[in-house]
């Protein structure tokens, strides 16, 4: 289990949600991520650029079999360092919240 470490890069709300959505999957389509977060292409691109500069997110492009045009799908993934940083950040948030078992104590 990673040591708790607060990460300013991940902590911004949209970037935290990006990492949270990418963490349980191998990769996710840019459009799906954008629609799930309900942000513009420009907003998502800006946050992904910040995460990529930190080495936390990688992207790849592939042809879309379902489209007749030349557009390509952008796939996004958390890198190994990104997964570790996200897990450490979540642990730090749990420590701040006073619960190592999760945030369920706020449900009371």
Protein backbone atom coordinates (compact mmCIF):
# COMPACT_ATOMS: atom_id res chain seq x y z
CA UNK A 1 0.00 0.00 0.00
CA UNK A 2 1.46 3.38 -0.98
CA UNK A 3 2.47 5.87 1.66
CA UNK A 4 0.05 8.79 1.98
CA UNK A 5 1.21 11.82 0.00
CA UNK A 6 -0.89 14.87 -0.84
CA UNK A 7 -0.40 15.77 -4.51
CA UNK A 8 -1.21 19.32 -5.63
CA UNK A 9 -1.25 18.25 -9.30
CA UNK A 10 -3.91 15.61 -8.73
CA UNK A 11 -5.90 17.56 -6.14
CA UNK A 12 -7.55 20.05 -8.53
CA UNK A 13 -11.19 18.88 -8.74
CA UNK A 14 -11.28 18.02 -12.46
CA UNK A 15 -7.88 16.30 -12.33
CA UNK A 16 -8.91 14.34 -9.24
CA UNK A 17 -12.03 13.17 -11.06
CA UNK A 18 -9.98 12.29 -14.18
CA UNK A 19 -7.66 10.12 -12.09
CA UNK A 20 -10.62 8.58 -10.27
CA UNK A 21 -12.25 7.61 -13.56
CA UNK A 22 -9.04 6.28 -15.12
CA UNK A 23 -7.86 4.37 -12.05
CA UNK A 24 -10.17 1.32 -12.31
CA UNK A 25 -9.75 0.87 -16.09
CA UNK A 26 -6.91 0.19 -18.53
CA UNK A 27 -7.91 3.10 -20.77
CA UNK A 28 -10.81 5.40 -21.53
CA UNK A 29 -11.89 7.27 -24.66
CA UNK A 30 -11.39 11.07 -24.52
CA UNK A 31 -15.02 11.66 -25.54
CA UNK A 32 -16.36 9.36 -22.82
CA UNK A 33 -14.19 11.08 -20.21
CA UNK A 34 -15.27 14.53 -21.45
CA UNK A 35 -18.97 13.61 -21.40
CA UNK A 36 -18.75 11.95 -17.98
CA UNK A 37 -17.03 15.00 -16.49
CA UNK A 38 -19.37 17.37 -18.36
CA UNK A 39 -16.50 19.63 -19.45
CA UNK A 40 -15.45 21.08 -22.80
CA UNK A 41 -12.76 19.57 -25.01
CA UNK A 42 -10.51 22.53 -24.18
CA UNK A 43 -10.98 22.15 -20.41
CA UNK A 44 -10.30 18.41 -20.50
CA UNK A 45 -7.28 18.90 -22.76
CA UNK A 46 -5.82 21.50 -20.39
CA UNK A 47 -6.10 19.20 -17.38
CA UNK A 48 -4.79 16.19 -19.30
CA UNK A 49 -1.77 18.24 -20.41
CA UNK A 50 -0.98 19.03 -16.76
CA UNK A 51 -1.32 15.36 -15.76
CA UNK A 52 0.77 14.24 -18.74
CA UNK A 53 3.52 16.76 -17.90
CA UNK A 54 3.69 15.22 -14.42
CA UNK A 55 4.00 11.76 -16.00
CA UNK A 56 0.62 10.64 -14.62
CA UNK A 57 -1.40 10.20 -17.83
CA UNK A 58 -0.54 8.84 -21.25
CA UNK A 59 -2.53 8.92 -24.45
CA UNK A 60 -2.63 6.97 -27.68
CA UNK A 61 -4.70 7.27 -30.83
CA UNK A 62 -6.34 4.60 -32.91
CA UNK A 63 -8.58 4.50 -35.94
CA UNK A 64 -12.28 4.33 -35.27
CA UNK A 65 -13.74 1.23 -36.91
CA UNK A 66 -17.27 2.59 -36.60
CA UNK A 67 -16.59 5.85 -38.44
CA UNK A 68 -16.39 6.45 -42.15
CA UNK A 69 -14.15 9.49 -41.76
CA UNK A 70 -10.48 9.76 -40.81
CA UNK A 71 -11.04 10.84 -37.20
CA UNK A 72 -9.19 8.85 -34.60
CA UNK A 73 -10.07 7.93 -31.03
CA UNK A 74 -7.82 9.26 -28.28
CA UNK A 75 -7.38 6.71 -25.50
CA UNK A 76 -6.23 7.88 -22.08
CA UNK A 77 -4.59 5.85 -19.34
CA UNK A 78 -3.04 6.41 -15.94
CA UNK A 79 0.64 5.55 -16.03
CA UNK A 80 2.19 3.41 -13.32
CA UNK A 81 3.51 6.55 -11.56
CA UNK A 82 0.06 8.10 -12.01
CA UNK A 83 -1.63 5.12 -10.36
CA UNK A 84 0.82 5.27 -7.45
CA UNK A 85 0.43 9.03 -7.04
CA UNK A 86 -3.38 8.77 -7.13
CA UNK A 87 -3.42 5.98 -4.54
CA UNK A 88 -1.05 7.96 -2.29
CA UNK A 89 -3.20 11.08 -2.69
CA UNK A 90 -6.39 9.19 -1.79
CA UNK A 91 -4.65 7.84 1.32
CA UNK A 92 -3.60 11.38 2.27
CA UNK A 93 -7.19 12.57 1.87
CA UNK A 94 -8.38 9.70 4.05
CA UNK A 95 -5.86 10.70 6.73
CA UNK A 96 -6.99 14.32 6.51
CA UNK A 97 -10.61 13.16 6.87
CA UNK A 98 -9.58 11.09 9.89
CA UNK A 99 -10.48 7.70 8.51
CA UNK A 100 -8.17 5.01 7.19
CA UNK A 101 -11.22 2.89 6.31
CA UNK A 102 -12.71 5.41 3.92
CA UNK A 103 -14.90 8.45 4.04
CA UNK A 104 -18.04 6.61 5.11
CA UNK A 105 -17.84 8.27 8.56
CA UNK A 106 -19.36 11.39 6.95
CA UNK A 107 -22.56 9.47 6.19
CA UNK A 108 -23.69 9.64 9.79
